[in-house]
C-alpha atoms as a PDB file:
ATOM      1  CA  MET A   1       0.303  -0.556   0.474  1.00  0.00           C
ATOM      2  CA  SER A   2       1.414   3.574  -1.502  1.00  0.00           C
ATOM      3  CA  THR A   3       1.957   6.313   1.631  1.00  0.00           C
ATOM      4  CA  THR A   4       2.339   9.496   1.143  1.00  0.00           C
ATOM      5  CA  VAL A   5       3.976  12.015   3.708  1.00  0.00           C
ATOM      6  CA  LEU A   6       3.436  15.893   3.336  1.00  0.00           C
ATOM      7  CA  GLY A   7       6.354  17.532   5.527  1.00  0.00           C
ATOM      8  CA  ILE A   8       6.652  20.774   6.663  1.00  0.00           C
ATOM      9  CA  GLU A   9       9.804  23.043   7.886  1.00  0.00           C
ATOM     10  CA  THR A  10      10.243  25.762   9.951  1.00  0.00           C
ATOM     11  CA  SER A  11      12.585  25.892  12.343  1.00  0.00           C
ATOM     12  CA  CYS A  12      13.950  28.882  11.230  1.00  0.00           C
ATOM     13  CA  ASP A  13      14.241  31.171   8.481  1.00  0.00           C
ATOM     14  CA  GLU A  14      12.938  29.094   5.750  1.00  0.00           C
ATOM     15  CA  THR A  15      10.122  27.644   4.824  1.00  0.00           C
ATOM     16  CA  GLY A  16       9.816  24.312   4.017  1.00  0.00           C
ATOM     17  CA  VAL A  17       7.346  21.723   2.016  1.00  0.00           C
ATOM     18  CA  ALA A  18       7.906  18.812   0.578  1.00  0.00           C
ATOM     19  CA  VAL A  19       6.286  15.496  -0.344  1.00  0.00           C
ATOM     20  CA  VAL A  20       7.379  11.980  -0.235  1.00  0.00           C
ATOM     21  CA  ARG A  21       5.288   9.055  -1.420  1.00  0.00           C
ATOM     22  CA  ASP A  22       6.753   5.253  -0.720  1.00  0.00           C
ATOM     23  CA  GLY A  23      10.933   6.480   0.395  1.00  0.00           C
ATOM     24  CA  GLU A  24      10.386   8.850  -3.105  1.00  0.00           C
ATOM     25  CA  LEU A  25      10.911  12.854  -3.465  1.00  0.00           C
ATOM     26  CA  LEU A  26       7.896  14.145  -5.154  1.00  0.00           C
ATOM     27  CA  ALA A  27       8.812  17.846  -4.700  1.00  0.00           C
ATOM     28  CA  ASP A  28      10.503  19.780  -2.491  1.00  0.00           C
ATOM     29  CA  VAL A  29       9.634  23.722  -2.398  1.00  0.00           C
ATOM     30  CA  THR A  30      11.584  26.489  -0.192  1.00  0.00           C
ATOM     31  CA  ALA A  31      11.419  29.678   0.761  1.00  0.00           C
ATOM     32  CA  THR A  32      13.939  31.923   2.555  1.00  0.00           C
ATOM     33  CA  SER A  33      13.834  35.094   4.497  1.00  0.00           C
ATOM     34  CA  MET A  34      17.779  35.327   4.547  1.00  0.00           C
ATOM     35  CA  ASP A  35      18.431  37.623   2.288  1.00  0.00           C
ATOM     36  CA  GLU A  36      16.556  40.199   5.537  1.00  0.00           C
ATOM     37  CA  TYR A  37      19.281  39.203   7.832  1.00  0.00           C
ATOM     38  CA  ALA A  38      22.265  40.307   6.514  1.00  0.00           C
ATOM     39  CA  ARG A  39      22.279  44.013   7.703  1.00  0.00           C
ATOM     40  CA  TYR A  40      21.886  43.041  11.469  1.00  0.00           C
ATOM     41  CA  GLY A  41      24.227  40.160  11.057  1.00  0.00           C
ATOM     42  CA  GLY A  42      21.574  37.508  11.935  1.00  0.00           C
ATOM     43  CA  ILE A  43      18.398  35.811  12.467  1.00  0.00           C
ATOM     44  CA  ILE A  44      16.118  37.961  13.534  1.00  0.00           C
ATOM     45  CA  PRO A  45      12.976  35.919  15.396  1.00  0.00           C
ATOM     46  CA  GLU A  46       9.951  38.652  14.676  1.00  0.00           C
ATOM     47  CA  ILE A  47      10.855  39.023  11.020  1.00  0.00           C
ATOM     48  CA  ALA A  48      11.662  35.221  10.762  1.00  0.00           C
ATOM     49  CA  SER A  49       7.990  34.082  12.373  1.00  0.00           C
ATOM     50  CA  ARG A  50       6.166  36.919   9.945  1.00  0.00           C
ATOM     51  CA  ALA A  51       7.935  35.112   6.825  1.00  0.00           C
ATOM     52  CA  HIS A  52       6.667  31.628   7.450  1.00  0.00           C
ATOM     53  CA  LEU A  53       2.871  32.637   7.392  1.00  0.00           C
ATOM     54  CA  GLU A  54       3.131  35.412   4.948  1.00  0.00           C
ATOM     55  CA  THR A  55       4.583  32.295   2.904  1.00  0.00           C
ATOM     56  CA  PHE A  56       3.746  29.158   4.263  1.00  0.00           C
ATOM     57  CA  VAL A  57       0.500  28.808   1.668  1.00  0.00           C
ATOM     58  CA  PRO A  58       2.125  29.734  -1.494  1.00  0.00           C
ATOM     59  CA  THR A  59       4.848  27.376  -0.605  1.00  0.00           C
ATOM     60  CA  LEU A  60       2.231  24.179   0.165  1.00  0.00           C
ATOM     61  CA  ASN A  61       0.292  24.945  -3.643  1.00  0.00           C
ATOM     62  CA  ALA A  62       3.895  24.512  -5.148  1.00  0.00           C
ATOM     63  CA  ALA A  63       4.920  21.949  -3.707  1.00  0.00           C
ATOM     64  CA  LEU A  64       1.446  19.998  -4.452  1.00  0.00           C
ATOM     65  CA  GLU A  65       1.517  21.042  -7.442  1.00  0.00           C
ATOM     66  CA  LYS A  66       5.332  20.318  -8.802  1.00  0.00           C
ATOM     67  CA  ALA A  67       4.231  16.310  -7.360  1.00  0.00           C
ATOM     68  CA  GLY A  68       1.065  16.153  -9.065  1.00  0.00           C
ATOM     69  CA  VAL A  69      -0.617  15.399  -5.971  1.00  0.00           C
ATOM     70  CA  ALA A  70      -4.360  16.671  -3.738  1.00  0.00           C
ATOM     71  CA  LEU A  71      -3.778  17.630  -0.764  1.00  0.00           C
ATOM     72  CA  ASP A  72      -6.589  15.115  -0.016  1.00  0.00           C
ATOM     73  CA  SER A  73      -3.904  12.383  -0.585  1.00  0.00           C
ATOM     74  CA  ILE A  74      -1.838  12.715   1.562  1.00  0.00           C
ATOM     75  CA  ASP A  75      -2.040   9.811   4.293  1.00  0.00           C
ATOM     76  CA  ALA A  76       0.243  11.890   7.358  1.00  0.00           C
ATOM     77  CA  VAL A  77       1.615  15.005   7.792  1.00  0.00           C
ATOM     78  CA  ALA A  78       4.894  15.556   9.512  1.00  0.00           C
ATOM     79  CA  VAL A  79       6.112  18.558  10.863  1.00  0.00           C
ATOM     80  CA  THR A  80       8.768  20.218  12.334  1.00  0.00           C
ATOM     81  CA  ALA A  81       8.523  20.515  16.353  1.00  0.00           C
ATOM     82  CA  GLY A  82      11.409  21.331  17.185  1.00  0.00           C
ATOM     83  CA  PRO A  83      14.252  22.248  17.912  1.00  0.00           C
ATOM     84  CA  GLY A  84      14.193  26.019  16.424  1.00  0.00           C
ATOM     85  CA  LEU A  85      13.074  29.129  17.199  1.00  0.00           C
ATOM     86  CA  VAL A  86       9.610  28.766  19.143  1.00  0.00           C
ATOM     87  CA  GLY A  87       7.684  31.383  16.882  1.00  0.00           C
ATOM     88  CA  SER A  88       9.009  29.786  14.071  1.00  0.00           C
ATOM     89  CA  LEU A  89       7.881  26.617  15.032  1.00  0.00           C
ATOM     90  CA  THR A  90       4.405  27.591  16.276  1.00  0.00           C
ATOM     91  CA  VAL A  91       3.689  28.732  12.829  1.00  0.00           C
ATOM     92  CA  GLY A  92       4.491  24.916  11.276  1.00  0.00           C
ATOM     93  CA  VAL A  93       2.763  23.419  14.418  1.00  0.00           C
ATOM     94  CA  SER A  94      -0.500  25.245  13.655  1.00  0.00           C
ATOM     95  CA  ALA A  95      -0.854  24.513  10.403  1.00  0.00           C
ATOM     96  CA  ALA A  96       0.330  21.014  10.205  1.00  0.00           C
ATOM     97  CA  LYS A  97      -2.366  20.954  12.737  1.00  0.00           C
ATOM     98  CA  ALA A  98      -4.951  22.515  10.973  1.00  0.00           C
ATOM     99  CA  LEU A  99      -4.361  20.007   7.614  1.00  0.00           C
ATOM    100  CA  ALA A 100      -4.126  17.025  10.122  1.00  0.00           C
ATOM    101  CA  LEU A 101      -7.312  17.919  10.878  1.00  0.00           C
ATOM    102  CA  SER A 102      -9.308  18.804   8.033  1.00  0.00           C
ATOM    103  CA  LEU A 103      -7.893  15.829   6.419  1.00  0.00           C
ATOM    104  CA  ARG A 104      -8.411  13.461   9.122  1.00  0.00           C
ATOM    105  CA  LYS A 105      -4.607  12.169   8.922  1.00  0.00           C
ATOM    106  CA  PRO A 106      -2.268  11.261  11.619  1.00  0.00           C
ATOM    107  CA  LEU A 107       0.013  13.898  12.571  1.00  0.00           C
ATOM    108  CA  TYR A 108       4.109  13.472  13.286  1.00  0.00           C
ATOM    109  CA  GLY A 109       6.304  16.164  15.241  1.00  0.00           C
ATOM    110  CA  VAL A 110       9.390  15.390  13.763  1.00  0.00           C
ATOM    111  CA  ASN A 111      13.206  16.443  15.307  1.00  0.00           C
ATOM    112  CA  HIS A 112      14.435  18.494  12.145  1.00  0.00           C
ATOM    113  CA  ILE A 113      17.875  17.520  13.432  1.00  0.00           C
ATOM    114  CA  ILE A 114      17.687  14.225  12.836  1.00  0.00           C
ATOM    115  CA  GLY A 115      16.046  14.998   9.594  1.00  0.00           C
ATOM    116  CA  HIS A 116      19.322  16.549   8.258  1.00  0.00           C
ATOM    117  CA  LEU A 117      20.441  12.588   8.610  1.00  0.00           C
ATOM    118  CA  CYS A 118      17.314  10.877   7.413  1.00  0.00           C
ATOM    119  CA  VAL A 119      17.525  13.376   3.993  1.00  0.00           C
ATOM    120  CA  ASP A 120      20.442  11.459   2.333  1.00  0.00           C
ATOM    121  CA  GLU A 121      17.887   7.896   1.903  1.00  0.00           C
ATOM    122  CA  LEU A 122      16.448  10.325  -0.513  1.00  0.00           C
ATOM    123  CA  VAL A 123      19.806  10.901  -2.668  1.00  0.00           C
ATOM    124  CA  ASP A 124      21.738   7.768  -1.911  1.00  0.00           C
ATOM    125  CA  GLY A 125      19.315   5.007  -0.560  1.00  0.00           C
ATOM    126  CA  PRO A 126      17.764   3.262   2.652  1.00  0.00           C
ATOM    127  CA  LEU A 127      19.944   4.523   5.783  1.00  0.00           C
ATOM    128  CA  PRO A 128      21.995   1.182   6.939  1.00  0.00           C
ATOM    129  CA  ASP A 129      20.721  -0.603  10.396  1.00  0.00           C
ATOM    130  CA  ARG A 130      23.888   0.540  12.653  1.00  0.00           C
ATOM    131  CA  PHE A 131      25.055   3.848  11.698  1.00  0.00           C
ATOM    132  CA  ILE A 132      27.561   7.312  12.659  1.00  0.00           C
ATOM    133  CA  GLY A 133      25.760  10.350  12.144  1.00  0.00           C
ATOM    134  CA  LEU A 134      27.556  14.240  12.684  1.00  0.00           C
ATOM    135  CA  VAL A 135      24.851  16.783  12.492  1.00  0.00           C
ATOM    136  CA  VAL A 136      26.694  20.348  11.878  1.00  0.00           C
ATOM    137  CA  SER A 137      24.087  23.249  11.400  1.00  0.00           C
ATOM    138  CA  GLY A 138      23.945  26.989  12.954  1.00  0.00           C
ATOM    139  CA  GLY A 139      23.401  26.173  15.785  1.00  0.00           C
ATOM    140  CA  HIS A 140      24.193  21.993  16.582  1.00  0.00           C
ATOM    141  CA  SER A 141      27.450  19.885  15.986  1.00  0.00           C
ATOM    142  CA  SER A 142      27.293  16.697  17.281  1.00  0.00           C
ATOM    143  CA  ILE A 143      27.677  12.809  16.670  1.00  0.00           C
ATOM    144  CA  LEU A 144      24.830  10.673  17.250  1.00  0.00           C
ATOM    145  CA  ARG A 145      24.893   6.953  17.379  1.00  0.00           C
ATOM    146  CA  VAL A 146      21.863   5.286  14.746  1.00  0.00           C
ATOM    147  CA  SER A 147      20.031   2.044  15.089  1.00  0.00           C
ATOM    148  CA  ASN A 148      17.259   2.982  14.042  1.00  0.00           C
ATOM    149  CA  ILE A 149      16.489   6.424  12.434  1.00  0.00           C
ATOM    150  CA  ALA A 150      13.209   6.540  13.570  1.00  0.00           C
ATOM    151  CA  THR A 151      12.780   5.871  17.190  1.00  0.00           C
ATOM    152  CA  GLU A 152      16.215   4.266  18.136  1.00  0.00           C
ATOM    153  CA  VAL A 153      19.246   7.625  18.196  1.00  0.00           C
ATOM    154  CA  GLU A 154      20.894   8.445  21.147  1.00  0.00           C
ATOM    155  CA  GLU A 155      23.222  11.506  21.370  1.00  0.00           C
ATOM    156  CA  LEU A 156      27.235  10.590  21.688  1.00  0.00           C
ATOM    157  CA  GLY A 157      28.279  14.278  22.093  1.00  0.00           C
ATOM    158  CA  GLY A 158      27.563  17.882  20.993  1.00  0.00           C
ATOM    159  CA  THR A 159      29.463  21.269  21.429  1.00  0.00           C
ATOM    160  CA  LEU A 160      29.929  22.535  24.445  1.00  0.00           C
ATOM    161  CA  ASP A 161      29.451  26.311  23.159  1.00  0.00           C
ATOM    162  CA  ASP A 162      29.839  27.757  19.904  1.00  0.00           C
ATOM    163  CA  ALA A 163      28.631  25.049  17.451  1.00  0.00           C
ATOM    164  CA  ALA A 164      30.695  24.874  13.637  1.00  0.00           C
ATOM    165  CA  GLY A 165      27.907  26.949  11.996  1.00  0.00           C
ATOM    166  CA  GLU A 166      28.203  29.303  15.010  1.00  0.00           C
ATOM    167  CA  ALA A 167      31.676  30.148  14.909  1.00  0.00           C
ATOM    168  CA  PHE A 168      32.198  30.629  11.427  1.00  0.00           C
ATOM    169  CA  ASP A 169      29.580  33.878  11.585  1.00  0.00           C
ATOM    170  CA  LYS A 170      31.226  35.654  14.122  1.00  0.00           C
ATOM    171  CA  VAL A 171      34.392  35.250  12.868  1.00  0.00           C
ATOM    172  CA  GLY A 172      33.047  36.333   9.916  1.00  0.00           C
ATOM    173  CA  ARG A 173      31.924  39.306  11.509  1.00  0.00           C
ATOM    174  CA  LEU A 174      35.428  39.483  13.175  1.00  0.00           C
ATOM    175  CA  LEU A 175      37.167  39.514   9.566  1.00  0.00           C
ATOM    176  CA  GLY A 176      34.401  42.215   7.824  1.00  0.00           C
ATOM    177  CA  LEU A 177      32.878  39.207   5.811  1.00  0.00           C
ATOM    178  CA  PRO A 178      28.821  39.556   5.223  1.00  0.00           C
ATOM    179  CA  TYR A 179      26.339  37.631   6.912  1.00  0.00           C
ATOM    180  CA  PRO A 180      26.529  34.402   6.808  1.00  0.00           C
ATOM    181  CA  GLY A 181      30.283  34.366   7.494  1.00  0.00           C
ATOM    182  CA  GLY A 182      30.233  30.623   6.628  1.00  0.00           C
ATOM    183  CA  PRO A 183      30.237  30.713   3.139  1.00  0.00           C
ATOM    184  CA  HIS A 184      31.743  33.524   2.861  1.00  0.00           C
ATOM    185  CA  ILE A 185      34.774  32.156   4.873  1.00  0.00           C
ATOM    186  CA  ASP A 186      34.914  28.781   3.195  1.00  0.00           C
ATOM    187  CA  ARG A 187      35.410  30.689  -0.641  1.00  0.00           C
ATOM    188  CA  LEU A 188      38.045  33.048   0.750  1.00  0.00           C
ATOM    189  CA  ALA A 189      39.812  30.069   2.412  1.00  0.00           C
ATOM    190  CA  ARG A 190      39.587  28.018  -0.713  1.00  0.00           C
ATOM    191  CA  GLU A 191      40.691  30.194  -3.271  1.00  0.00           C
ATOM    192  CA  GLU A 192      43.410  32.236  -1.620  1.00  0.00           C
ATOM    193  CA  GLY A 193      44.607  31.176   2.117  1.00  0.00           C
ATOM    194  CA  ASP A 194      46.723  28.351   2.424  1.00  0.00           C
ATOM    195  CA  ARG A 195      45.986  26.587   5.952  1.00  0.00           C
ATOM    196  CA  ASP A 196      49.288  25.991   6.525  1.00  0.00           C
ATOM    197  CA  ALA A 197      50.322  29.651   7.338  1.00  0.00           C
ATOM    198  CA  ILE A 198      48.680  29.969  10.946  1.00  0.00           C
ATOM    199  CA  ARG A 199      47.737  27.141  12.984  1.00  0.00           C
ATOM    200  CA  PHE A 200      44.840  27.462  15.535  1.00  0.00           C
ATOM    201  CA  PRO A 201      44.242  25.175  18.645  1.00  0.00           C
ATOM    202  CA  ARG A 202      41.631  22.576  18.261  1.00  0.00           C
ATOM    203  CA  GLY A 203      39.255  22.569  21.296  1.00  0.00           C
ATOM    204  CA  LEU A 204      39.417  19.461  23.662  1.00  0.00           C
ATOM    205  CA  ALA A 205      42.222  17.587  21.820  1.00  0.00           C
ATOM    206  CA  ALA A 206      44.688  17.731  24.932  1.00  0.00           C
ATOM    207  CA  GLY A 207      44.674  16.319  28.264  1.00  0.00           C
ATOM    208  CA  LYS A 208      41.723  14.651  30.876  1.00  0.00           C
ATOM    209  CA  ASP A 209      39.572  17.000  27.868  1.00  0.00           C
ATOM    210  CA  LYS A 210      40.446  14.376  25.083  1.00  0.00           C
ATOM    211  CA  GLU A 211      38.590  11.405  26.543  1.00  0.00           C
ATOM    212  CA  ARG A 212      36.085  13.410  28.677  1.00  0.00           C
ATOM    213  CA  HIS A 213      34.874  15.344  26.294  1.00  0.00           C
ATOM    214  CA  LYS A 214      35.864  12.259  22.930  1.00  0.00           C
ATOM    215  CA  TYR A 215      32.760  13.023  21.003  1.00  0.00           C
ATOM    216  CA  ASP A 216      32.365  16.656  22.692  1.00  0.00           C
ATOM    217  CA  PHE A 217      33.091  19.843  20.187  1.00  0.00           C
ATOM    218  CA  SER A 218      34.306  23.190  21.992  1.00  0.00           C
ATOM    219  CA  PHE A 219      35.133  26.459  19.361  1.00  0.00           C
ATOM    220  CA  SER A 220      34.380  29.130  21.781  1.00  0.00           C
ATOM    221  CA  GLY A 221      38.035  29.055  22.259  1.00  0.00           C
ATOM    222  CA  LEU A 222      39.474  29.213  18.723  1.00  0.00           C
ATOM    223  CA  LYS A 223      37.035  32.298  18.028  1.00  0.00           C
ATOM    224  CA  THR A 224      39.398  33.320  20.629  1.00  0.00           C
ATOM    225  CA  ALA A 225      42.294  32.325  19.668  1.00  0.00           C
ATOM    226  CA  VAL A 226      41.459  33.835  15.708  1.00  0.00           C
ATOM    227  CA  ALA A 227      40.293  37.137  17.940  1.00  0.00           C
ATOM    228  CA  ARG A 228      43.009  37.791  19.325  1.00  0.00           C
ATOM    229  CA  TYR A 229      45.190  36.789  16.509  1.00  0.00           C
ATOM    230  CA  VAL A 230      43.472  39.842  14.409  1.00  0.00           C
ATOM    231  CA  GLU A 231      43.515  42.471  17.167  1.00  0.00           C
ATOM    232  CA  GLY A 232      47.215  41.671  17.966  1.00  0.00           C
ATOM    233  CA  LEU A 233      47.892  42.501  14.197  1.00  0.00           C
ATOM    234  CA  GLU A 234      45.541  45.049  14.687  1.00  0.00           C
ATOM    235  CA  SER A 235      47.665  46.521  17.219  1.00  0.00           C
ATOM    236  CA  ARG A 236      50.992  47.117  16.001  1.00  0.00           C
ATOM    237  CA  GLY A 237      49.411  48.550  12.227  1.00  0.00           C
ATOM    238  CA  GLU A 238      49.730  44.977  10.048  1.00  0.00           C
ATOM    239  CA  GLU A 239      47.438  44.232   7.512  1.00  0.00           C
ATOM    240  CA  ILE A 240      45.512  40.984   8.155  1.00  0.00           C
ATOM    241  CA  PRO A 241      45.997  38.052   6.296  1.00  0.00           C
ATOM    242  CA  ARG A 242      42.366  37.529   5.986  1.00  0.00           C
ATOM    243  CA  ALA A 243      42.543  34.200   3.676  1.00  0.00           C
ATOM    244  CA  ASP A 244      45.374  32.872   6.042  1.00  0.00           C
ATOM    245  CA  VAL A 245      43.341  33.690   8.586  1.00  0.00           C
ATOM    246  CA  ALA A 246      40.238  31.529   7.528  1.00  0.00           C
ATOM    247  CA  ALA A 247      41.883  28.840   5.933  1.00  0.00           C
ATOM    248  CA  GLY A 248      44.020  27.802   9.779  1.00  0.00           C
ATOM    249  CA  PHE A 249      40.354  29.032  10.917  1.00  0.00           C
ATOM    250  CA  SER A 250      38.622  26.656   8.681  1.00  0.00           C
ATOM    251  CA  GLU A 251      40.898  24.061   8.952  1.00  0.00           C
ATOM    252  CA  ALA A 252      41.185  23.683  13.165  1.00  0.00           C
ATOM    253  CA  ILE A 253      36.955  22.914  13.204  1.00  0.00           C
ATOM    254  CA  ASN A 254      37.147  20.685   9.724  1.00  0.00           C
ATOM    255  CA  ASP A 255      40.077  18.607  11.169  1.00  0.00           C
ATOM    256  CA  THR A 256      38.091  18.507  14.667  1.00  0.00           C
ATOM    257  CA  LEU A 257      34.584  17.919  12.867  1.00  0.00           C
ATOM    258  CA  THR A 258      36.515  14.911  11.055  1.00  0.00           C
ATOM    259  CA  SER A 259      38.963  12.929  13.431  1.00  0.00           C
ATOM    260  CA  LYS A 260      35.748  13.198  16.089  1.00  0.00           C
ATOM    261  CA  SER A 261      33.687  11.459  14.398  1.00  0.00           C
ATOM    262  CA  LEU A 262      35.734   9.197  12.184  1.00  0.00           C
ATOM    263  CA  ASN A 263      37.576   8.121  15.972  1.00  0.00           C
ATOM    264  CA  ALA A 264      33.160   7.542  17.039  1.00  0.00           C
ATOM    265  CA  CYS A 265      32.742   5.398  13.972  1.00  0.00           C
ATOM    266  CA  GLU A 266      35.411   2.758  14.769  1.00  0.00           C
ATOM    267  CA  ASP A 267      34.947   2.875  18.790  1.00  0.00           C
ATOM    268  CA  PHE A 268      31.500   1.391  17.969  1.00  0.00           C
ATOM    269  CA  GLY A 269      32.061  -0.443  14.640  1.00  0.00           C
ATOM    270  CA  CYS A 270      30.233   1.096  12.075  1.00  0.00           C
ATOM    271  CA  ASP A 271      31.400   1.234   8.653  1.00  0.00           C
ATOM    272  CA  THR A 272      29.465   3.964   7.863  1.00  0.00           C
ATOM    273  CA  LEU A 273      28.565   7.774   8.839  1.00  0.00           C
ATOM    274  CA  VAL A 274      25.959   9.767   7.618  1.00  0.00           C
ATOM    275  CA  VAL A 275      26.464  13.662   7.514  1.00  0.00           C
ATOM    276  CA  GLY A 276      24.067  16.797   7.579  1.00  0.00           C
ATOM    277  CA  GLY A 277      22.787  20.266   8.251  1.00  0.00           C
ATOM    278  CA  GLY A 278      23.660  23.813   6.563  1.00  0.00           C
ATOM    279  CA  PHE A 279      27.867  23.643   7.670  1.00  0.00           C
ATOM    280  CA  SER A 280      27.815  19.900   6.216  1.00  0.00           C
ATOM    281  CA  ALA A 281      28.376  21.854   2.896  1.00  0.00           C
ATOM    282  CA  ASN A 282      31.820  23.053   3.573  1.00  0.00           C
ATOM    283  CA  SER A 283      34.321  21.979   0.641  1.00  0.00           C
ATOM    284  CA  ARG A 284      37.515  21.436   2.988  1.00  0.00           C
ATOM    285  CA  LEU A 285      34.626  19.169   5.533  1.00  0.00           C
ATOM    286  CA  ARG A 286      33.753  16.756   2.253  1.00  0.00           C
ATOM    287  CA  GLU A 287      37.592  16.790   1.647  1.00  0.00           C
ATOM    288  CA  LEU A 288      39.247  16.192   4.551  1.00  0.00           C
ATOM    289  CA  PHE A 289      36.150  13.165   4.462  1.00  0.00           C
ATOM    290  CA  ALA A 290      36.754  12.403   1.429  1.00  0.00           C
ATOM    291  CA  GLU A 291      40.891  12.277   2.213  1.00  0.00           C
ATOM    292  CA  ARG A 292      40.352  10.164   5.821  1.00  0.00           C
ATOM    293  CA  ALA A 293      37.712   8.239   5.846  1.00  0.00           C
ATOM    294  CA  ALA A 294      38.451   5.879   2.784  1.00  0.00           C
ATOM    295  CA  SER A 295      41.968   4.299   4.120  1.00  0.00           C
ATOM    296  CA  ARG A 296      39.873   3.713   7.592  1.00  0.00           C
ATOM    297  CA  GLY A 297      37.466   1.521   5.520  1.00  0.00           C
ATOM    298  CA  ILE A 298      34.904   4.112   6.278  1.00  0.00           C
ATOM    299  CA  THR A 299      31.857   4.954   3.619  1.00  0.00           C
ATOM    300  CA  VAL A 300      30.836   8.916   4.440  1.00  0.00           C
ATOM    301  CA  ARG A 301      27.168   9.567   2.911  1.00  0.00           C
ATOM    302  CA  ILE A 302      26.821  13.542   2.730  1.00  0.00           C
ATOM    303  CA  PRO A 303      23.677  14.397   0.790  1.00  0.00           C
ATOM    304  CA  PRO A 304      23.925  16.732  -2.483  1.00  0.00           C
ATOM    305  CA  ILE A 305      24.001  20.739  -0.531  1.00  0.00           C
ATOM    306  CA  ARG A 306      20.789  21.452  -1.936  1.00  0.00           C
ATOM    307  CA  TYR A 307      19.874  19.386   0.769  1.00  0.00           C
ATOM    308  CA  CYS A 308      21.859  20.880   3.284  1.00  0.00           C
ATOM    309  CA  THR A 309      20.044  23.694   5.059  1.00  0.00           C
ATOM    310  CA  ASP A 310      16.631  22.937   6.275  1.00  0.00           C
ATOM    311  CA  ASN A 311      13.950  21.911   3.365  1.00  0.00           C
ATOM    312  CA  GLY A 312      10.872  20.482   4.014  1.00  0.00           C
ATOM    313  CA  ALA A 313      12.472  17.407   2.419  1.00  0.00           C
ATOM    314  CA  MET A 314      13.973  15.877   5.034  1.00  0.00           C
ATOM    315  CA  VAL A 315      11.213  16.544   7.532  1.00  0.00           C
ATOM    316  CA  ALA A 316       9.040  14.112   5.168  1.00  0.00           C
ATOM    317  CA  SER A 317      11.904  11.970   4.828  1.00  0.00           C
ATOM    318  CA  LEU A 318      11.454  11.161   8.702  1.00  0.00           C
ATOM    319  CA  GLY A 319       8.251  11.251   8.795  1.00  0.00           C
ATOM    320  CA  TYR A 320       7.597   8.250   6.369  1.00  0.00           C
ATOM    321  CA  GLU A 321      10.440   6.024   8.397  1.00  0.00           C
ATOM    322  CA  LEU A 322       8.126   6.832  11.681  1.00  0.00           C
ATOM    323  CA  VAL A 323       4.968   5.384   9.130  1.00  0.00           C
ATOM    324  CA  ARG A 324       7.252   2.952   8.213  1.00  0.00           C
ATOM    325  CA  ASN A 325       7.683   1.625  11.301  1.00  0.00           C
ATOM    326  CA  GLY A 326       4.575   2.019  13.009  1.00  0.00           C
ATOM    327  CA  VAL A 327       5.713   4.969  15.246  1.00  0.00           C
ATOM    328  CA  GLU A 328       2.024   6.518  16.456  1.00  0.00           C
ATOM    329  CA  PRO A 329       1.247   9.334  16.124  1.00  0.00           C
ATOM    330  CA  SER A 330       1.705  12.589  17.545  1.00  0.00           C
ATOM    331  CA  GLY A 331      -1.577  13.776  18.358  1.00  0.00           C
ATOM    332  CA  LEU A 332      -3.046  16.919  17.700  1.00  0.00           C
ATOM    333  CA  GLY A 333      -2.252  18.027  21.080  1.00  0.00           C
ATOM    334  CA  ILE A 334       1.377  18.757  20.752  1.00  0.00           C
ATOM    335  CA  THR A 335       2.936  21.755  21.986  1.00  0.00           C
ATOM    336  CA  VAL A 336       6.850  23.016  20.531  1.00  0.00           C
ATOM    337  CA  ASP A 337      10.241  22.062  21.925  1.00  0.00           C
ATOM    338  CA  THR A 338      12.185  24.544  21.020  1.00  0.00           C
ATOM    339  CA  GLY A 339      15.632  22.412  23.029  1.00  0.00           C
ATOM    340  CA  MET A 340      14.643  19.137  21.536  1.00  0.00           C
ATOM    341  CA  SER A 341      16.467  16.157  22.706  1.00  0.00           C
ATOM    342  CA  LEU A 342      18.063  14.971  20.159  1.00  0.00           C
ATOM    343  CA  SER A 343      17.775  11.549  21.333  1.00  0.00           C
ATOM    344  CA  LYS A 344      14.008  12.323  20.904  1.00  0.00           C
ATOM    345  CA  THR A 345      13.612  11.915  16.675  1.00  0.00           C
ATOM    346  CA  HIS A 346       9.349  12.632  17.210  1.00  0.00           C
ATOM    347  CA  MET A 347       7.344  14.150  19.837  1.00  0.00           C
END
């Protein structure tokens, strides 16, 4: 029997709607308000919430039309219930409740961070029974052990302070680059930088921290080291080698992300690593995984860049897995959870 799932994503500033049928993506449409935040240097929650209100219905209609699916043929509705911004989440969950109620279809409130891993199956096929997941997005840098993407996920470690994406944005501002900093630092480092010119510290990589925080990340010290380096040059009136700073900083973060996640694969006997989240679009991260994984007998799966940022496809994919695994629907009484645990796949 065929199963068609509508996925709705509104955790931050992207309004995403997608349709997945039996594990196949039929449509994925996204509207974003990212361009509005450049002058502020960051997301403005109220603007994001209003943008979701304005774009949801057009985005829904576009996704249904592209998929060639009528609304009343949807079998289940999946929506991001967390983590994310409370206002943005509320818009999506409210819309999903209205649709589920009017269609008399089951509602699943899903964890969109887990969705960042699940979306890869729409591109590279079914996920293995066991694997390690690395989620690197604006607010998360986490290593997960996955036994079943729908029901059994364990967080092995995460960021103790700044996530990778946050650190890139902050260093981007320090170097006078436009918001968001990630793509600009990545481009500057790749095209003009010398990654060996400046060696910045790797957090939690020495002494007791190396074992106590084996799968955790800390990037605030790295950010401070970059700031002190730049401030030192400025105080002496010297020119800042922005490209080399970007390259050295990028190398420090990507070295740490790849090393710890591949170590987790070996420690838990997993031969597959799935990487997801907006930061997984970083070119140097992908290069390092390609260089380091093969020699250790580990397969790394990273979805195409278009599926790295928040999108409806990842929500619909995880919703389909919940239905396929016979998980009970969340029900219409769910609320949003801005700090939803990464060991919780759904509400």
